[in-house]
N, C-alpha and C. Protein backbone atom coordinates (compact mmCIF):
# COMPACT_ATOMS: atom_id res chain seq x y z
N MET A 1 105.76 20.54 223.31
CA MET A 1 105.24 22.09 223.10
C MET A 1 106.85 23.00 223.45
N LYS A 2 106.76 23.99 222.40
CA LYS A 2 107.81 25.03 222.82
C LYS A 2 107.88 25.63 223.65
N ASN A 3 109.10 26.49 224.21
CA ASN A 3 109.07 27.27 225.37
C ASN A 3 108.99 28.79 224.31
N SER A 4 108.59 29.33 225.25
CA SER A 4 108.30 30.96 224.52
C SER A 4 109.42 31.48 223.70
N ALA A 5 110.36 30.95 223.89
CA ALA A 5 111.88 31.81 223.55
C ALA A 5 111.96 30.83 221.75
N GLU A 6 111.08 30.02 221.46
CA GLU A 6 111.52 29.03 220.51
C GLU A 6 110.55 29.44 219.54
N LYS A 7 111.08 29.57 218.15
CA LYS A 7 110.05 29.49 216.85
C LYS A 7 109.82 28.28 216.41
N VAL A 8 108.52 28.20 215.97
CA VAL A 8 108.18 26.79 215.00
C VAL A 8 108.51 27.50 213.73
N SER A 9 109.25 26.38 212.65
CA SER A 9 109.79 26.72 211.54
C SER A 9 108.73 26.09 210.63
N VAL A 10 108.12 26.56 209.46
CA VAL A 10 107.54 26.05 208.34
C VAL A 10 108.01 26.22 207.36
N LYS A 11 108.21 25.14 206.96
CA LYS A 11 108.78 25.18 205.55
C LYS A 11 107.90 24.99 204.36
N VAL A 12 107.55 25.81 203.41
CA VAL A 12 106.63 25.50 202.37
C VAL A 12 107.47 24.99 201.10
N CYS A 13 107.23 23.83 200.61
CA CYS A 13 107.83 23.23 199.07
C CYS A 13 107.29 24.16 198.24
N LEU A 14 108.11 24.82 197.06
CA LEU A 14 107.52 25.43 196.34
C LEU A 14 108.24 25.16 194.54
N GLY A 15 108.65 23.47 194.96
CA GLY A 15 108.91 22.60 193.65
C GLY A 15 107.88 22.22 192.86
N THR A 16 108.14 22.07 191.76
CA THR A 16 106.99 22.03 190.33
C THR A 16 105.81 21.17 190.68
N THR A 17 106.24 19.83 191.55
CA THR A 17 105.23 19.11 191.80
C THR A 17 104.76 19.32 192.96
N CYS A 18 105.24 19.85 193.91
CA CYS A 18 104.38 20.30 195.04
C CYS A 18 103.05 21.42 194.74
N PHE A 19 104.05 22.38 193.70
CA PHE A 19 103.40 23.48 193.36
C PHE A 19 101.74 22.92 192.49
N VAL A 20 102.00 22.20 191.80
CA VAL A 20 100.93 21.61 190.76
C VAL A 20 100.05 20.70 191.33
N MET A 21 100.48 20.29 192.20
CA MET A 21 99.54 19.07 192.92
C MET A 21 99.03 19.71 194.22
N GLY A 22 98.89 21.59 194.22
CA GLY A 22 97.84 21.94 194.94
C GLY A 22 98.97 23.29 196.14
N GLY A 23 100.22 22.94 195.93
CA GLY A 23 101.01 23.67 196.80
C GLY A 23 100.60 25.22 196.51
N GLY A 24 100.44 25.81 195.25
CA GLY A 24 99.81 26.99 195.28
C GLY A 24 98.70 27.61 196.18
N ASN A 25 97.75 26.74 196.76
CA ASN A 25 96.85 27.13 197.64
C ASN A 25 97.51 27.36 199.12
N LEU A 26 98.77 26.96 199.12
CA LEU A 26 99.33 27.14 200.40
C LEU A 26 99.75 28.66 200.76
N GLN A 27 99.97 29.64 199.80
CA GLN A 27 100.40 30.90 199.71
C GLN A 27 99.48 31.65 200.49
N GLU A 28 98.18 31.06 201.06
CA GLU A 28 97.34 31.99 202.06
C GLU A 28 98.06 31.98 203.36
N LEU A 29 99.15 30.81 203.58
CA LEU A 29 99.78 31.03 205.06
C LEU A 29 100.59 32.31 205.22
N ASN A 30 100.96 32.96 204.09
CA ASN A 30 102.09 33.77 203.97
C ASN A 30 100.83 35.05 204.52
N GLU A 31 99.41 35.31 204.34
CA GLU A 31 98.66 36.01 205.10
C GLU A 31 98.37 35.41 206.80
N ILE A 32 97.93 34.25 206.69
CA ILE A 32 97.51 33.31 208.00
C ILE A 32 98.38 33.45 209.34
N ILE A 33 99.61 33.08 208.90
CA ILE A 33 100.75 32.82 209.77
C ILE A 33 100.68 34.05 210.78
N PRO A 34 101.03 35.22 209.96
CA PRO A 34 101.61 36.09 210.87
C PRO A 34 100.77 37.08 211.62
N LYS A 35 99.13 36.78 210.97
CA LYS A 35 98.26 37.66 211.71
C LYS A 35 97.98 36.65 213.12
N LYS A 36 98.00 35.30 212.90
CA LYS A 36 97.50 34.28 213.91
C LYS A 36 98.64 34.28 215.19
N TYR A 37 99.82 33.95 214.65
CA TYR A 37 101.17 33.83 215.21
C TYR A 37 102.07 34.61 215.89
N GLY A 38 102.01 35.86 214.92
CA GLY A 38 102.74 36.63 215.36
C GLY A 38 104.48 36.52 214.99
N ASN A 39 105.19 36.85 215.61
CA ASN A 39 106.69 36.34 215.53
C ASN A 39 106.92 34.79 216.02
N LYS A 40 105.83 34.07 216.64
CA LYS A 40 106.36 32.74 217.32
C LYS A 40 106.91 31.55 216.08
N VAL A 41 106.14 32.15 214.55
CA VAL A 41 106.28 31.31 213.68
C VAL A 41 107.24 31.76 212.52
N GLU A 42 107.97 31.10 211.94
CA GLU A 42 109.08 31.38 211.16
C GLU A 42 108.33 30.92 209.55
N LEU A 43 107.95 31.26 208.86
CA LEU A 43 107.74 30.84 207.41
C LEU A 43 108.44 31.01 206.81
N SER A 44 108.55 30.34 205.49
CA SER A 44 109.70 30.05 204.52
C SER A 44 109.51 29.19 203.50
N GLY A 45 109.60 29.74 202.12
CA GLY A 45 109.71 29.33 200.98
C GLY A 45 110.74 28.26 200.89
N VAL A 46 110.89 26.81 200.07
CA VAL A 46 112.00 26.38 199.69
C VAL A 46 111.89 25.77 198.30
N ASN A 47 112.76 26.28 197.59
CA ASN A 47 113.46 25.40 196.50
C ASN A 47 112.48 23.80 195.98
N CYS A 48 113.09 23.07 196.98
CA CYS A 48 112.28 21.75 197.00
C CYS A 48 112.84 20.72 198.44
N LEU A 49 111.75 20.17 198.88
CA LEU A 49 112.71 19.44 199.92
C LEU A 49 112.87 17.99 199.85
N GLY A 50 112.56 17.79 198.67
CA GLY A 50 113.30 16.69 197.93
C GLY A 50 112.18 15.09 198.21
N LEU A 51 111.22 15.22 198.66
CA LEU A 51 110.61 14.50 199.49
C LEU A 51 109.65 13.65 198.42
N CYS A 52 109.25 14.01 197.06
CA CYS A 52 108.34 13.48 196.50
C CYS A 52 109.53 12.61 195.61
N SER A 53 110.65 12.79 195.51
CA SER A 53 111.79 11.96 194.84
C SER A 53 111.87 10.60 195.38
N ILE A 54 111.67 10.81 197.03
CA ILE A 54 111.91 9.36 197.62
C ILE A 54 110.89 8.32 197.04
N ASN A 55 109.67 8.64 196.76
CA ASN A 55 108.72 7.69 196.15
C ASN A 55 108.03 8.30 195.51
N TRP A 56 108.56 8.66 194.03
CA TRP A 56 107.38 9.66 193.11
C TRP A 56 106.29 8.57 192.50
N GLU A 57 106.06 7.36 192.61
CA GLU A 57 104.99 6.81 192.52
C GLU A 57 103.67 6.79 193.11
N TYR A 58 104.24 7.04 194.56
CA TYR A 58 103.07 7.01 195.61
C TYR A 58 103.49 8.68 196.22
N SER A 59 104.02 9.75 195.64
CA SER A 59 104.13 10.90 195.84
C SER A 59 103.03 11.58 196.90
N LYS A 60 102.96 12.19 197.80
CA LYS A 60 101.75 12.57 198.87
C LYS A 60 102.36 14.39 198.67
N ALA A 61 102.28 14.63 197.60
CA ALA A 61 102.66 16.19 197.28
C ALA A 61 101.57 16.89 197.41
N PRO A 62 101.54 18.03 198.14
CA PRO A 62 102.27 19.31 198.47
C PRO A 62 102.77 18.97 199.71
N TYR A 63 104.00 19.17 199.74
CA TYR A 63 104.99 18.71 201.34
C TYR A 63 104.91 20.32 201.88
N VAL A 64 104.70 20.15 203.44
CA VAL A 64 105.15 21.49 204.21
C VAL A 64 106.40 20.63 205.19
N LYS A 65 107.10 21.25 205.90
CA LYS A 65 107.72 21.02 207.33
C LYS A 65 107.46 21.71 208.37
N VAL A 66 107.48 21.08 209.35
CA VAL A 66 106.78 22.16 210.70
C VAL A 66 107.87 21.34 211.43
N ASP A 67 108.80 22.54 211.71
CA ASP A 67 109.89 21.75 212.42
C ASP A 67 110.69 20.38 211.92
N ASP A 68 110.61 19.14 212.62
CA ASP A 68 111.16 18.33 211.65
C ASP A 68 109.80 17.27 211.51
N ASP A 69 108.81 18.00 211.31
CA ASP A 69 107.49 16.73 210.81
C ASP A 69 107.01 17.32 209.74
N VAL A 70 106.77 16.24 208.74
CA VAL A 70 106.15 16.53 207.68
C VAL A 70 105.06 16.45 207.27
N VAL A 71 104.65 16.90 206.59
CA VAL A 71 103.13 17.59 206.16
C VAL A 71 102.68 16.80 204.78
N ASN A 72 102.35 15.82 204.71
CA ASN A 72 101.94 15.17 203.49
C ASN A 72 100.65 15.40 202.60
N GLU A 73 100.22 16.00 201.43
CA GLU A 73 99.09 16.40 201.08
C GLU A 73 98.55 17.41 201.56
N ALA A 74 99.82 18.36 202.05
CA ALA A 74 99.44 19.81 202.96
C ALA A 74 98.31 20.47 202.38
N THR A 75 97.70 20.73 203.26
CA THR A 75 96.54 21.96 203.53
C THR A 75 96.65 22.98 204.31
N VAL A 76 96.52 24.25 203.92
CA VAL A 76 96.59 24.95 205.01
C VAL A 76 95.70 24.90 206.47
N GLU A 77 94.87 23.67 206.52
CA GLU A 77 94.37 23.28 207.60
C GLU A 77 95.43 22.65 208.30
N LYS A 78 95.54 21.96 207.57
CA LYS A 78 96.59 20.61 208.33
C LYS A 78 98.02 21.41 209.21
N VAL A 79 98.27 22.62 208.03
CA VAL A 79 99.72 22.65 208.59
C VAL A 79 99.07 23.78 210.01
N LEU A 80 98.21 24.60 209.87
CA LEU A 80 97.76 25.42 211.01
C LEU A 80 97.43 24.54 212.32
N GLU A 81 96.69 23.35 211.81
CA GLU A 81 96.59 22.45 212.81
C GLU A 81 97.85 21.91 213.96
N LEU A 82 98.92 21.44 213.09
CA LEU A 82 100.01 21.24 213.49
C LEU A 82 100.95 22.06 214.14
N VAL A 83 101.11 23.18 214.01
CA VAL A 83 101.48 24.68 214.23
C VAL A 83 101.06 24.92 215.79
N ASP A 84 99.34 24.87 215.46
CA ASP A 84 98.78 24.89 216.80
C ASP A 84 99.62 23.69 218.19
N LYS A 85 99.30 22.93 217.57
CA LYS A 85 99.71 21.59 218.38
C LYS A 85 101.07 21.66 218.93
N LYS A 86 102.28 22.35 218.02
CA LYS A 86 103.51 22.36 218.27
C LYS A 86 103.68 23.78 219.66
N LEU A 87 102.75 24.78 219.38
CA LEU A 87 102.59 25.90 220.37
C LEU A 87 101.66 25.73 221.56
N GLY A 88 101.41 24.32 221.66
CA GLY A 88 100.32 24.21 222.56
C GLY A 88 99.02 24.94 222.40
N ILE A 89 98.50 25.52 221.31
CA ILE A 89 97.33 25.91 221.18
C ILE A 89 96.22 24.79 220.87
N ASN A 90 95.17 24.99 221.69
CA ASN A 90 93.88 24.18 221.55
C ASN A 90 93.04 24.52 220.85
């Protein structure tokens, strides 16, 4: 759990593979995260996290990193659940 001064970092992969595999649906986070968490979460898009290239055949795109934790086959629900956990919200 984070202390109140620390922000949770959420990085959404915007690479082609992640976008094609459903990452476009993660754009909803742009509206949900500021409303739900205020300034406790820093949301950003990154050109590529490079995670699908590790094992392309078994890629679990789209990917999102929440702090140092990787969310594979990311959905809005999975990301929010992990952010809640990091912030100690039940």
